[in-house]
C-alpha atoms as a PDB file:
ATOM      1  CA  MET A   1     -47.205  10.584  -8.098  1.00  0.00           C
ATOM      2  CA  SER A   2     -49.343  10.335  -5.014  1.00  0.00           C
ATOM      3  CA  ASN A   3     -53.012   9.563  -4.469  1.00  0.00           C
ATOM      4  CA  GLN A   4     -52.525  10.031  -0.735  1.00  0.00           C
ATOM      5  CA  TYR A   5     -50.706  12.946   0.850  1.00  0.00           C
ATOM      6  CA  GLU A   6     -48.043  11.935   3.289  1.00  0.00           C
ATOM      7  CA  ALA A   7     -44.589  13.060   4.340  1.00  0.00           C
ATOM      8  CA  ILE A   8     -42.219  13.579   1.420  1.00  0.00           C
ATOM      9  CA  LEU A   9     -40.264  10.461   0.505  1.00  0.00           C
ATOM     10  CA  TRP A  10     -36.941  10.935  -1.248  1.00  0.00           C
ATOM     11  CA  ASN A  11     -36.231   8.430  -4.003  1.00  0.00           C
ATOM     12  CA  LYS A  12     -32.774   7.961  -5.514  1.00  0.00           C
ATOM     13  CA  LEU A  13     -33.242  10.701  -8.120  1.00  0.00           C
ATOM     14  CA  LYS A  14     -34.517  13.183  -5.528  1.00  0.00           C
ATOM     15  CA  LYS A  15     -31.538  12.462  -3.298  1.00  0.00           C
ATOM     16  CA  GLN A  16     -29.141  13.008  -6.202  1.00  0.00           C
ATOM     17  CA  TYR A  17     -30.954  16.216  -7.154  1.00  0.00           C
ATOM     18  CA  ASP A  18     -30.796  17.580  -3.618  1.00  0.00           C
ATOM     19  CA  LEU A  19     -27.159  16.511  -3.257  1.00  0.00           C
ATOM     20  CA  VAL A  20     -26.264  18.511  -6.371  1.00  0.00           C
ATOM     21  CA  ILE A  21     -28.116  21.542  -4.949  1.00  0.00           C
ATOM     22  CA  ALA A  22     -26.301  21.235  -1.611  1.00  0.00           C
ATOM     23  CA  MET A  23     -22.910  20.791  -3.279  1.00  0.00           C
ATOM     24  CA  GLY A  24     -23.540  23.792  -5.530  1.00  0.00           C
ATOM     25  CA  VAL A  25     -24.618  26.007  -2.625  1.00  0.00           C
ATOM     26  CA  ILE A  26     -21.636  25.050  -0.463  1.00  0.00           C
ATOM     27  CA  SER A  27     -19.158  25.401  -3.348  1.00  0.00           C
ATOM     28  CA  PHE A  28     -20.470  28.855  -4.281  1.00  0.00           C
ATOM     29  CA  LEU A  29     -20.362  30.122  -0.697  1.00  0.00           C
ATOM     30  CA  VAL A  30     -16.840  28.820  -0.107  1.00  0.00           C
ATOM     31  CA  ILE A  31     -15.482  30.265  -3.370  1.00  0.00           C
ATOM     32  CA  PHE A  32     -17.316  33.587  -2.970  1.00  0.00           C
ATOM     33  CA  ILE A  33     -16.210  34.087   0.629  1.00  0.00           C
ATOM     34  CA  ALA A  34     -12.611  33.099  -0.147  1.00  0.00           C
ATOM     35  CA  LEU A  35     -12.383  35.476  -3.110  1.00  0.00           C
ATOM     36  CA  HIS A  36     -13.915  38.379  -1.172  1.00  0.00           C
ATOM     37  CA  LEU A  37     -11.582  37.871   1.780  1.00  0.00           C
ATOM     38  CA  TRP A  38      -8.672  37.913  -0.660  1.00  0.00           C
ATOM     39  CA  LEU A  39      -9.849  40.944  -2.645  1.00  0.00           C
ATOM     40  CA  HIS A  40     -11.412  42.852   0.272  1.00  0.00           C
ATOM     41  CA  PRO A  41      -9.611  41.762   3.466  1.00  0.00           C
ATOM     42  CA  SER A  42     -11.186  44.576   5.475  1.00  0.00           C
ATOM     43  CA  ILE A  43     -14.780  43.529   4.752  1.00  0.00           C
ATOM     44  CA  THR A  44     -16.880  42.733   7.825  1.00  0.00           C
ATOM     45  CA  GLN A  45     -18.244  39.241   8.388  1.00  0.00           C
ATOM     46  CA  GLU A  46     -21.834  40.511   8.375  1.00  0.00           C
ATOM     47  CA  THR A  47     -21.456  42.313   5.029  1.00  0.00           C
ATOM     48  CA  LEU A  48     -19.659  39.338   3.500  1.00  0.00           C
ATOM     49  CA  LEU A  49     -22.412  36.884   4.465  1.00  0.00           C
ATOM     50  CA  ILE A  50     -25.192  39.262   3.386  1.00  0.00           C
ATOM     51  CA  ARG A  51     -23.599  39.613  -0.050  1.00  0.00           C
ATOM     52  CA  ALA A  52     -22.862  35.906  -0.415  1.00  0.00           C
ATOM     53  CA  PHE A  53     -26.372  34.704   0.379  1.00  0.00           C
ATOM     54  CA  GLY A  54     -28.036  37.550  -1.540  1.00  0.00           C
ATOM     55  CA  ILE A  55     -26.100  36.974  -4.769  1.00  0.00           C
ATOM     56  CA  LEU A  56     -26.555  33.205  -4.474  1.00  0.00           C
ATOM     57  CA  ALA A  57     -30.336  33.611  -4.117  1.00  0.00           C
ATOM     58  CA  ILE A  58     -30.481  35.792  -7.247  1.00  0.00           C
ATOM     59  CA  ILE A  59     -28.423  33.267  -9.235  1.00  0.00           C
ATOM     60  CA  MET A  60     -30.634  30.376  -8.102  1.00  0.00           C
ATOM     61  CA  LEU A  61     -33.782  32.308  -9.050  1.00  0.00           C
ATOM     62  CA  HIS A  62     -32.372  32.899 -12.537  1.00  0.00           C
ATOM     63  CA  ILE A  63     -31.682  29.166 -12.893  1.00  0.00           C
ATOM     64  CA  ILE A  64     -35.235  28.337 -11.783  1.00  0.00           C
ATOM     65  CA  LEU A  65     -36.841  30.750 -14.246  1.00  0.00           C
ATOM     66  CA  ALA A  66     -34.565  29.604 -17.082  1.00  0.00           C
ATOM     67  CA  THR A  67     -35.285  25.896 -16.614  1.00  0.00           C
ATOM     68  CA  GLY A  68     -38.650  25.884 -18.420  1.00  0.00           C
ATOM     69  CA  PRO A  69     -37.585  27.621 -21.647  1.00  0.00           C
ATOM     70  CA  LEU A  70     -34.249  25.777 -21.728  1.00  0.00           C
ATOM     71  CA  ALA A  71     -36.029  22.420 -21.540  1.00  0.00           C
ATOM     72  CA  ARG A  72     -38.226  23.402 -24.495  1.00  0.00           C
ATOM     73  CA  LEU A  73     -35.201  24.453 -26.536  1.00  0.00           C
ATOM     74  CA  ASN A  74     -33.048  21.416 -25.734  1.00  0.00           C
ATOM     75  CA  PRO A  75     -34.179  18.097 -24.166  1.00  0.00           C
ATOM     76  CA  ILE A  76     -30.902  17.811 -22.251  1.00  0.00           C
ATOM     77  CA  PHE A  77     -32.243  20.362 -19.760  1.00  0.00           C
ATOM     78  CA  LYS A  78     -35.412  18.383 -18.994  1.00  0.00           C
ATOM     79  CA  VAL A  79     -33.678  16.664 -16.106  1.00  0.00           C
ATOM     80  CA  LEU A  80     -33.730  20.029 -14.316  1.00  0.00           C
ATOM     81  CA  LEU A  81     -37.532  20.115 -14.417  1.00  0.00           C
ATOM     82  CA  TYR A  82     -37.962  17.054 -12.240  1.00  0.00           C
ATOM     83  CA  ASN A  83     -38.354  18.210  -8.630  1.00  0.00           C
ATOM     84  CA  ARG A  84     -37.694  21.816  -9.635  1.00  0.00           C
ATOM     85  CA  ARG A  85     -39.668  22.735  -6.535  1.00  0.00           C
ATOM     86  CA  HIS A  86     -36.759  21.442  -4.421  1.00  0.00           C
ATOM     87  CA  LEU A  87     -34.555  24.099  -5.986  1.00  0.00           C
ATOM     88  CA  GLY A  88     -37.254  26.704  -5.331  1.00  0.00           C
ATOM     89  CA  VAL A  89     -37.522  25.843  -1.643  1.00  0.00           C
ATOM     90  CA  SER A  90     -33.728  25.831  -1.349  1.00  0.00           C
ATOM     91  CA  MET A  91     -33.592  29.259  -2.992  1.00  0.00           C
ATOM     92  CA  PHE A  92     -36.160  30.597  -0.521  1.00  0.00           C
ATOM     93  CA  ILE A  93     -34.064  29.360   2.423  1.00  0.00           C
ATOM     94  CA  ILE A  94     -30.987  31.105   1.001  1.00  0.00           C
ATOM     95  CA  ALA A  95     -32.989  34.302   0.406  1.00  0.00           C
ATOM     96  CA  ALA A  96     -34.454  34.128   3.923  1.00  0.00           C
ATOM     97  CA  ILE A  97     -30.960  33.860   5.423  1.00  0.00           C
ATOM     98  CA  HIS A  98     -29.931  36.931   3.412  1.00  0.00           C
ATOM     99  CA  GLY A  99     -33.028  38.791   4.600  1.00  0.00           C
ATOM    100  CA  GLY A 100     -32.566  37.776   8.219  1.00  0.00           C
ATOM    101  CA  LEU A 101     -28.919  38.844   8.255  1.00  0.00           C
ATOM    102  CA  SER A 102     -29.795  42.167   6.610  1.00  0.00           C
ATOM    103  CA  ILE A 103     -32.575  42.929   9.092  1.00  0.00           C
ATOM    104  CA  ALA A 104     -30.318  42.074  12.024  1.00  0.00           C
ATOM    105  CA  GLN A 105     -27.484  44.193  10.636  1.00  0.00           C
ATOM    106  CA  PHE A 106     -29.437  47.319   9.684  1.00  0.00           C
ATOM    107  CA  HIS A 107     -32.520  47.246  11.937  1.00  0.00           C
ATOM    108  CA  GLY A 108     -31.559  45.146  14.936  1.00  0.00           C
ATOM    109  CA  TYR A 109     -29.933  47.771  17.109  1.00  0.00           C
ATOM    110  CA  GLY A 110     -32.647  50.421  17.374  1.00  0.00           C
ATOM    111  CA  ASN A 111     -35.573  50.923  19.714  1.00  0.00           C
ATOM    112  CA  LEU A 112     -38.170  49.819  17.145  1.00  0.00           C
ATOM    113  CA  ASN A 113     -39.133  46.281  16.291  1.00  0.00           C
ATOM    114  CA  PRO A 114     -36.768  45.319  13.413  1.00  0.00           C
ATOM    115  CA  LEU A 115     -39.606  44.359  11.052  1.00  0.00           C
ATOM    116  CA  LEU A 116     -41.515  47.563  11.805  1.00  0.00           C
ATOM    117  CA  SER A 117     -38.319  49.559  11.336  1.00  0.00           C
ATOM    118  CA  ILE A 118     -38.084  48.391   7.714  1.00  0.00           C
ATOM    119  CA  PHE A 119     -41.326  50.152   6.859  1.00  0.00           C
ATOM    120  CA  VAL A 120     -41.053  53.328   8.933  1.00  0.00           C
ATOM    121  CA  SER A 121     -37.345  54.181   9.005  1.00  0.00           C
ATOM    122  CA  ASN A 122     -37.379  55.336   5.384  1.00  0.00           C
ATOM    123  CA  THR A 123     -40.531  56.663   3.713  1.00  0.00           C
ATOM    124  CA  GLN A 124     -38.975  58.416   0.726  1.00  0.00           C
ATOM    125  CA  TYR A 125     -41.073  56.592  -1.854  1.00  0.00           C
ATOM    126  CA  ASP A 126     -40.928  59.634  -4.129  1.00  0.00           C
ATOM    127  CA  SER A 127     -37.131  59.481  -4.415  1.00  0.00           C
ATOM    128  CA  LEU A 128     -35.331  57.201  -6.855  1.00  0.00           C
ATOM    129  CA  THR A 129     -31.933  57.256  -5.167  1.00  0.00           C
ATOM    130  CA  GLN A 130     -33.315  57.089  -1.618  1.00  0.00           C
ATOM    131  CA  PHE A 131     -36.219  54.696  -2.301  1.00  0.00           C
ATOM    132  CA  PRO A 132     -36.829  52.216   0.589  1.00  0.00           C
ATOM    133  CA  PHE A 133     -35.593  49.236  -1.418  1.00  0.00           C
ATOM    134  CA  GLN A 134     -35.715  46.911   1.591  1.00  0.00           C
ATOM    135  CA  VAL A 135     -39.520  46.978   1.428  1.00  0.00           C
ATOM    136  CA  LEU A 136     -39.275  45.476  -2.073  1.00  0.00           C
ATOM    137  CA  GLY A 137     -37.086  42.698  -0.713  1.00  0.00           C
ATOM    138  CA  VAL A 138     -39.581  41.933   2.052  1.00  0.00           C
ATOM    139  CA  ALA A 139     -42.432  41.805  -0.477  1.00  0.00           C
ATOM    140  CA  ALA A 140     -40.468  39.426  -2.717  1.00  0.00           C
ATOM    141  CA  LEU A 141     -39.489  37.233   0.229  1.00  0.00           C
ATOM    142  CA  THR A 142     -43.133  37.046   1.319  1.00  0.00           C
ATOM    143  CA  ILE A 143     -44.106  35.727  -2.115  1.00  0.00           C
ATOM    144  CA  LEU A 144     -41.283  33.183  -2.039  1.00  0.00           C
ATOM    145  CA  LEU A 145     -42.374  32.097   1.446  1.00  0.00           C
ATOM    146  CA  LEU A 146     -45.931  31.573   0.220  1.00  0.00           C
ATOM    147  CA  MET A 147     -44.682  29.499  -2.702  1.00  0.00           C
ATOM    148  CA  ALA A 148     -42.344  27.404  -0.564  1.00  0.00           C
ATOM    149  CA  ALA A 149     -45.055  26.777   2.040  1.00  0.00           C
ATOM    150  CA  THR A 150     -47.505  25.547  -0.630  1.00  0.00           C
ATOM    151  CA  SER A 151     -45.019  23.545  -2.695  1.00  0.00           C
ATOM    152  CA  HIS A 152     -46.222  20.124  -1.490  1.00  0.00           C
ATOM    153  CA  ASP A 153     -48.824  18.195  -3.492  1.00  0.00           C
ATOM    154  CA  PHE A 154     -51.251  18.480  -0.560  1.00  0.00           C
ATOM    155  CA  TRP A 155     -51.711  22.151  -1.418  1.00  0.00           C
ATOM    156  CA  LEU A 156     -51.751  21.484  -5.139  1.00  0.00           C
ATOM    157  CA  LYS A 157     -54.668  19.085  -4.660  1.00  0.00           C
ATOM    158  CA  ASN A 158     -56.672  21.184  -2.202  1.00  0.00           C
ATOM    159  CA  LEU A 159     -56.113  24.558  -3.836  1.00  0.00           C
ATOM    160  CA  THR A 160     -56.870  23.011  -7.286  1.00  0.00           C
ATOM    161  CA  PRO A 161     -54.154  22.853  -9.972  1.00  0.00           C
ATOM    162  CA  ARG A 162     -55.365  26.001 -11.743  1.00  0.00           C
ATOM    163  CA  PHE A 163     -55.320  28.179  -8.603  1.00  0.00           C
ATOM    164  CA  TRP A 164     -52.045  26.623  -7.415  1.00  0.00           C
ATOM    165  CA  LYS A 165     -50.398  27.319 -10.768  1.00  0.00           C
ATOM    166  CA  SER A 166     -51.661  30.914 -10.757  1.00  0.00           C
ATOM    167  CA  LEU A 167     -50.316  31.344  -7.224  1.00  0.00           C
ATOM    168  CA  HIS A 168     -46.885  30.067  -8.213  1.00  0.00           C
ATOM    169  CA  MET A 169     -46.767  32.310 -11.266  1.00  0.00           C
ATOM    170  CA  LEU A 170     -46.213  35.085  -8.733  1.00  0.00           C
ATOM    171  CA  VAL A 171     -42.554  34.058  -8.928  1.00  0.00           C
ATOM    172  CA  TYR A 172     -42.267  36.479 -11.848  1.00  0.00           C
ATOM    173  CA  LEU A 173     -43.548  39.322  -9.667  1.00  0.00           C
ATOM    174  CA  ALA A 174     -41.059  38.288  -6.986  1.00  0.00           C
ATOM    175  CA  TYR A 175     -38.303  38.376  -9.612  1.00  0.00           C
ATOM    176  CA  VAL A 176     -39.196  41.916 -10.698  1.00  0.00           C
ATOM    177  CA  LEU A 177     -39.315  43.061  -7.061  1.00  0.00           C
ATOM    178  CA  LEU A 178     -35.899  41.533  -6.383  1.00  0.00           C
ATOM    179  CA  ILE A 179     -34.351  43.133  -9.453  1.00  0.00           C
ATOM    180  CA  PHE A 180     -35.538  46.570  -8.313  1.00  0.00           C
ATOM    181  CA  HIS A 181     -34.453  45.690  -4.770  1.00  0.00           C
ATOM    182  CA  VAL A 182     -30.921  45.219  -6.124  1.00  0.00           C
ATOM    183  CA  LEU A 183     -30.991  48.187  -8.521  1.00  0.00           C
ATOM    184  CA  LEU A 184     -32.254  50.625  -5.895  1.00  0.00           C
ATOM    185  CA  GLY A 185     -30.211  49.120  -3.090  1.00  0.00           C
ATOM    186  CA  ALA A 186     -26.824  47.476  -3.522  1.00  0.00           C
ATOM    187  CA  LEU A 187     -26.056  49.145  -6.834  1.00  0.00           C
ATOM    188  CA  GLN A 188     -26.508  52.634  -5.408  1.00  0.00           C
ATOM    189  CA  ASP A 189     -23.280  52.315  -3.419  1.00  0.00           C
ATOM    190  CA  GLU A 190     -21.470  49.817  -5.663  1.00  0.00           C
ATOM    191  CA  THR A 191     -18.407  51.253  -7.389  1.00  0.00           C
ATOM    192  CA  SER A 192     -17.651  48.112  -9.395  1.00  0.00           C
ATOM    193  CA  SER A 193     -19.698  47.401 -12.528  1.00  0.00           C
ATOM    194  CA  TRP A 194     -19.721  43.609 -12.332  1.00  0.00           C
ATOM    195  CA  ILE A 195     -22.926  43.399 -10.282  1.00  0.00           C
ATOM    196  CA  SER A 196     -24.683  45.761 -12.689  1.00  0.00           C
ATOM    197  CA  MET A 197     -23.545  43.667 -15.645  1.00  0.00           C
ATOM    198  CA  MET A 198     -24.690  40.471 -13.926  1.00  0.00           C
ATOM    199  CA  VAL A 199     -28.170  41.894 -13.348  1.00  0.00           C
ATOM    200  CA  ILE A 200     -28.469  43.240 -16.909  1.00  0.00           C
ATOM    201  CA  VAL A 201     -27.167  40.076 -18.574  1.00  0.00           C
ATOM    202  CA  GLY A 202     -29.286  37.840 -16.347  1.00  0.00           C
ATOM    203  CA  SER A 203     -32.514  39.755 -16.967  1.00  0.00           C
ATOM    204  CA  ALA A 204     -31.897  40.094 -20.717  1.00  0.00           C
ATOM    205  CA  GLY A 205     -31.017  36.410 -20.943  1.00  0.00           C
ATOM    206  CA  LEU A 206     -34.214  35.353 -19.198  1.00  0.00           C
ATOM    207  CA  VAL A 207     -36.389  37.540 -21.403  1.00  0.00           C
ATOM    208  CA  GLY A 208     -34.626  36.267 -24.520  1.00  0.00           C
ATOM    209  CA  LEU A 209     -34.985  32.627 -23.495  1.00  0.00           C
ATOM    210  CA  HIS A 210     -38.710  32.996 -22.867  1.00  0.00           C
ATOM    211  CA  ILE A 211     -39.259  34.756 -26.201  1.00  0.00           C
ATOM    212  CA  VAL A 212     -37.293  32.166 -28.199  1.00  0.00           C
ATOM    213  CA  SER A 213     -38.971  29.204 -26.463  1.00  0.00           C
ATOM    214  CA  ALA A 214     -42.405  30.786 -26.961  1.00  0.00           C
ATOM    215  CA  PHE A 215     -41.819  31.015 -30.694  1.00  0.00           C
ATOM    216  CA  LYS A 216     -40.563  27.428 -30.795  1.00  0.00           C
ATOM    217  CA  SER A 217     -43.464  25.988 -28.796  1.00  0.00           C
ATOM    218  CA  LYS A 218     -45.981  27.975 -30.813  1.00  0.00           C
ATOM    219  CA  GLY A 219     -45.160  25.945 -33.909  1.00  0.00           C
ATOM    220  CA  ASP A 220     -47.672  25.707 -36.685  1.00  0.00           C
ATOM    221  CA  ARG A 221     -51.123  26.151 -35.207  1.00  0.00           C
ATOM    222  CA  LEU A 222     -53.678  24.102 -37.092  1.00  0.00           C
ATOM    223  CA  ASP A 223     -57.379  24.578 -37.640  1.00  0.00           C
ATOM    224  CA  ASN A 224     -59.785  22.154 -36.011  1.00  0.00           C
ATOM    225  CA  SER A 225     -60.609  20.131 -39.112  1.00  0.00           C
ATOM    226  CA  GLU A 226     -61.599  16.460 -39.327  1.00  0.00           C
ATOM    227  CA  TRP A 227     -58.083  15.000 -39.635  1.00  0.00           C
ATOM    228  CA  ILE A 228     -54.790  16.791 -39.030  1.00  0.00           C
ATOM    229  CA  MET A 229     -51.494  15.725 -40.576  1.00  0.00           C
ATOM    230  CA  VAL A 230     -48.839  14.910 -37.966  1.00  0.00           C
ATOM    231  CA  GLY A 231     -45.970  13.758 -40.189  1.00  0.00           C
ATOM    232  CA  LYS A 232     -44.113  10.554 -40.899  1.00  0.00           C
ATOM    233  CA  PRO A 233     -43.231   8.001 -38.193  1.00  0.00           C
ATOM    234  CA  ALA A 234     -39.561   8.705 -38.826  1.00  0.00           C
ATOM    235  CA  ASP A 235     -40.157  12.273 -37.636  1.00  0.00           C
ATOM    236  CA  ILE A 236     -40.836  11.008 -34.097  1.00  0.00           C
ATOM    237  CA  PRO A 237     -37.967   9.444 -32.078  1.00  0.00           C
ATOM    238  CA  ASP A 238     -38.687   6.135 -30.374  1.00  0.00           C
ATOM    239  CA  ASP A 239     -40.315   6.577 -26.928  1.00  0.00           C
ATOM    240  CA  PHE A 240     -40.866  10.287 -27.552  1.00  0.00           C
ATOM    241  CA  ALA A 241     -43.654  12.428 -28.986  1.00  0.00           C
ATOM    242  CA  LYS A 242     -44.438  15.112 -31.503  1.00  0.00           C
ATOM    243  CA  THR A 243     -46.692  17.863 -30.190  1.00  0.00           C
ATOM    244  CA  ILE A 244     -49.120  19.633 -32.498  1.00  0.00           C
ATOM    245  CA  PHE A 245     -51.403  22.596 -31.883  1.00  0.00           C
ATOM    246  CA  VAL A 246     -55.088  22.482 -32.782  1.00  0.00           C
ATOM    247  CA  GLY A 247     -56.742  25.776 -31.933  1.00  0.00           C
ATOM    248  CA  LYS A 248     -55.951  26.325 -28.255  1.00  0.00           C
ATOM    249  CA  SER A 249     -55.329  22.626 -27.568  1.00  0.00           C
ATOM    250  CA  LYS A 250     -52.155  20.569 -27.819  1.00  0.00           C
ATOM    251  CA  ILE A 251     -51.989  16.899 -28.763  1.00  0.00           C
ATOM    252  CA  ALA A 252     -48.985  14.677 -28.052  1.00  0.00           C
ATOM    253  CA  VAL A 253     -48.460  11.816 -30.505  1.00  0.00           C
ATOM    254  CA  PHE A 254     -46.159   9.182 -28.981  1.00  0.00           C
ATOM    255  CA  LYS A 255     -44.161   6.530 -30.836  1.00  0.00           C
ATOM    256  CA  TYR A 256     -43.260   3.371 -28.939  1.00  0.00           C
ATOM    257  CA  GLU A 257     -42.731  -0.335 -29.741  1.00  0.00           C
ATOM    258  CA  ASP A 258     -43.549   0.314 -33.435  1.00  0.00           C
ATOM    259  CA  LYS A 259     -46.909   1.776 -32.382  1.00  0.00           C
ATOM    260  CA  LEU A 260     -48.437   5.248 -32.110  1.00  0.00           C
ATOM    261  CA  SER A 261     -50.871   6.732 -29.594  1.00  0.00           C
ATOM    262  CA  ALA A 262     -52.171  10.261 -29.109  1.00  0.00           C
ATOM    263  CA  VAL A 263     -53.149  11.913 -25.820  1.00  0.00           C
ATOM    264  CA  SER A 264     -53.763  15.383 -24.467  1.00  0.00           C
ATOM    265  CA  ASN A 265     -50.552  17.274 -23.841  1.00  0.00           C
ATOM    266  CA  TYR A 266     -51.916  18.565 -20.495  1.00  0.00           C
ATOM    267  CA  CYS A 267     -50.738  16.648 -17.397  1.00  0.00           C
ATOM    268  CA  ARG A 268     -53.445  16.477 -14.726  1.00  0.00           C
ATOM    269  CA  HIS A 269     -50.948  17.108 -11.945  1.00  0.00           C
ATOM    270  CA  GLN A 270     -49.776  20.620 -12.706  1.00  0.00           C
ATOM    271  CA  GLY A 271     -50.430  21.114 -16.413  1.00  0.00           C
ATOM    272  CA  GLY A 272     -46.997  19.871 -17.411  1.00  0.00           C
ATOM    273  CA  PRO A 273     -46.276  19.252 -21.135  1.00  0.00           C
ATOM    274  CA  LEU A 274     -46.609  15.498 -21.608  1.00  0.00           C
ATOM    275  CA  GLY A 275     -45.330  15.822 -25.162  1.00  0.00           C
ATOM    276  CA  GLU A 276     -41.967  16.908 -23.793  1.00  0.00           C
ATOM    277  CA  GLY A 277     -41.716  13.744 -21.719  1.00  0.00           C
ATOM    278  CA  LYS A 278     -40.945  10.188 -22.815  1.00  0.00           C
ATOM    279  CA  ILE A 279     -42.139   6.599 -22.472  1.00  0.00           C
ATOM    280  CA  VAL A 280     -40.676   5.005 -19.336  1.00  0.00           C
ATOM    281  CA  ASP A 281     -41.630   1.446 -18.376  1.00  0.00           C
ATOM    282  CA  GLY A 282     -44.469   1.540 -20.899  1.00  0.00           C
ATOM    283  CA  CYS A 283     -45.924   4.791 -19.532  1.00  0.00           C
ATOM    284  CA  ILE A 284     -45.875   8.379 -20.736  1.00  0.00           C
ATOM    285  CA  THR A 285     -43.864  10.161 -18.042  1.00  0.00           C
ATOM    286  CA  CYS A 286     -44.368  13.878 -17.481  1.00  0.00           C
ATOM    287  CA  PRO A 287     -41.045  15.753 -17.546  1.00  0.00           C
ATOM    288  CA  TRP A 288     -42.057  18.036 -14.692  1.00  0.00           C
ATOM    289  CA  HIS A 289     -42.777  15.700 -11.800  1.00  0.00           C
ATOM    290  CA  GLY A 290     -42.851  12.171 -13.194  1.00  0.00           C
ATOM    291  CA  TYR A 291     -46.618  11.634 -13.347  1.00  0.00           C
ATOM    292  CA  GLN A 292     -47.381   8.683 -15.637  1.00  0.00           C
ATOM    293  CA  TYR A 293     -50.136   7.622 -18.060  1.00  0.00           C
ATOM    294  CA  TYR A 294     -50.661   4.617 -20.324  1.00  0.00           C
ATOM    295  CA  PRO A 295     -50.426   5.837 -23.930  1.00  0.00           C
ATOM    296  CA  HIS A 296     -53.298   3.666 -25.210  1.00  0.00           C
ATOM    297  CA  ASN A 297     -55.916   4.865 -22.717  1.00  0.00           C
ATOM    298  CA  GLY A 298     -54.540   7.965 -20.969  1.00  0.00           C
ATOM    299  CA  CYS A 299     -55.000   6.376 -17.525  1.00  0.00           C
ATOM    300  CA  SER A 300     -52.436   6.452 -14.742  1.00  0.00           C
ATOM    301  CA  PRO A 301     -51.255   3.024 -13.575  1.00  0.00           C
ATOM    302  CA  PRO A 302     -53.101   1.767 -10.457  1.00  0.00           C
ATOM    303  CA  PRO A 303     -53.603   2.804  -7.725  1.00  0.00           C
ATOM    304  CA  PHE A 304     -53.403   6.306  -9.208  1.00  0.00           C
ATOM    305  CA  GLU A 305     -56.505   7.793 -10.774  1.00  0.00           C
ATOM    306  CA  GLU A 306     -55.395  10.653 -13.050  1.00  0.00           C
ATOM    307  CA  LYS A 307     -56.649  10.470 -16.654  1.00  0.00           C
ATOM    308  CA  VAL A 308     -56.153  12.454 -19.874  1.00  0.00           C
ATOM    309  CA  GLU A 309     -58.062  12.567 -23.166  1.00  0.00           C
ATOM    310  CA  THR A 310     -57.099  10.275 -26.041  1.00  0.00           C
ATOM    311  CA  TYR A 311     -57.315  10.829 -29.807  1.00  0.00           C
ATOM    312  CA  ASP A 312     -57.848   8.681 -32.906  1.00  0.00           C
ATOM    313  CA  LEU A 313     -54.951   8.174 -35.300  1.00  0.00           C
ATOM    314  CA  LYS A 314     -54.728   6.857 -38.849  1.00  0.00           C
ATOM    315  CA  MET A 315     -52.020   6.455 -41.465  1.00  0.00           C
ATOM    316  CA  GLU A 316     -52.317   7.103 -45.178  1.00  0.00           C
ATOM    317  CA  ASP A 317     -49.428   6.775 -47.637  1.00  0.00           C
ATOM    318  CA  GLY A 318     -46.948   6.602 -44.776  1.00  0.00           C
ATOM    319  CA  VAL A 319     -48.237   9.809 -43.161  1.00  0.00           C
ATOM    320  CA  ILE A 320     -49.800   9.993 -39.668  1.00  0.00           C
ATOM    321  CA  TYR A 321     -53.079  11.858 -39.151  1.00  0.00           C
ATOM    322  CA  VAL A 322     -54.867  12.665 -35.882  1.00  0.00           C
ATOM    323  CA  ASN A 323     -58.532  13.435 -35.341  1.00  0.00           C
ATOM    324  CA  PRO A 324     -58.603  16.606 -33.200  1.00  0.00           C
ATOM    325  CA  SER A 325     -61.892  15.628 -31.517  1.00  0.00           C
ATOM    326  CA  PRO A 326     -60.892  14.117 -28.148  1.00  0.00           C
ATOM    327  CA  HIS A 327     -62.367  11.040 -26.545  1.00  0.00           C
ATOM    328  CA  PRO A 328     -63.346  11.340 -22.865  1.00  0.00           C
ATOM    329  CA  GLU A 329     -60.550  11.033 -20.334  1.00  0.00           C
ATOM    330  CA  GLY A 330     -59.346   7.467 -19.950  1.00  0.00           C
ATOM    331  CA  THR A 331     -60.914   6.137 -23.178  1.00  0.00           C
ATOM    332  CA  GLN A 332     -59.002   3.090 -24.421  1.00  0.00           C
ATOM    333  CA  LEU A 333     -58.025   3.115 -28.096  1.00  0.00           C
ATOM    334  CA  GLU A 334     -56.160   0.543 -30.131  1.00  0.00           C
ATOM    335  CA  PRO A 335     -52.641   1.878 -30.834  1.00  0.00           C
ATOM    336  CA  LEU A 336     -51.860   2.567 -34.481  1.00  0.00           C
ATOM    337  CA  LYS A 337     -49.303   0.043 -35.710  1.00  0.00           C
ATOM    338  CA  ILE A 338     -46.506   1.401 -37.864  1.00  0.00           C
ATOM    339  CA  VAL A 339     -46.429  -0.422 -41.181  1.00  0.00           C
ATOM    340  CA  ILE A 340     -43.380   0.178 -43.326  1.00  0.00           C
ATOM    341  CA  GLU A 341     -44.244  -0.282 -46.985  1.00  0.00           C
END
């Protein structure tokens, strides 16, 4: 969390996260290059590096897009959500290296400016087999550049969370552009089927994950009546929450220290799902970027100023009920004590 915008500071978890990214990138490149030199000893260095960085960027983008639905399907993947933007920036750097090498290799030896050459050397937009696929790659890379450049919280704050989130949803457009970039480019001359299978399996897997997680998160949507049944205390693990849907809103009911509190599921930082987080050091901790709120009043611990709505709870015959009418952001409510009869 940050109420002032300053240079990024890496805590222990961020350092571990980035170390894993670096180790994964280096390991993939070493293994990929070694295997290709063994299987294709006549391959040129330029082609080898272009393939290595291009395939790595596609794999990293698949991991990024799969993180959200995977975390909703299994809590073990929630650790990937924290500082996911680091993986996104790393992926952009890898993709930019691939793009730079490709431009130098295929457009760096003519009389035209290499960037201009991409757009004017091939204008067969009406041909499927001869389509200027490199233009699609440039468009995708431009989107990834925009996302990487605005990844810091400074831009999130000044662009407003809603606009910033909409901007970063363009990652799905970038993904579609990159898939067609591969289909209309590398696969046109590829005799082996493994790249085709990787693209098909990856795309189908992503679509399937998003569909399954959407059905799971949808749950049982409830009407906005006076009191809504949540369930029994035993249904909620200690220091975690149960999320319920009321109309278009989501309420997270947290269980901690034999008490219950209910807050809005919407994190004020980036709209992260608080109900998928947990209680850490007495605070609800968002699984996306670690923003924290006290469960009894929805306020962030000082000096931070973010606040979320709170909700009334009651218990009848061992069953928890929540009033779907929210209190204003930061309203303190007495936690509901769990009484075992």
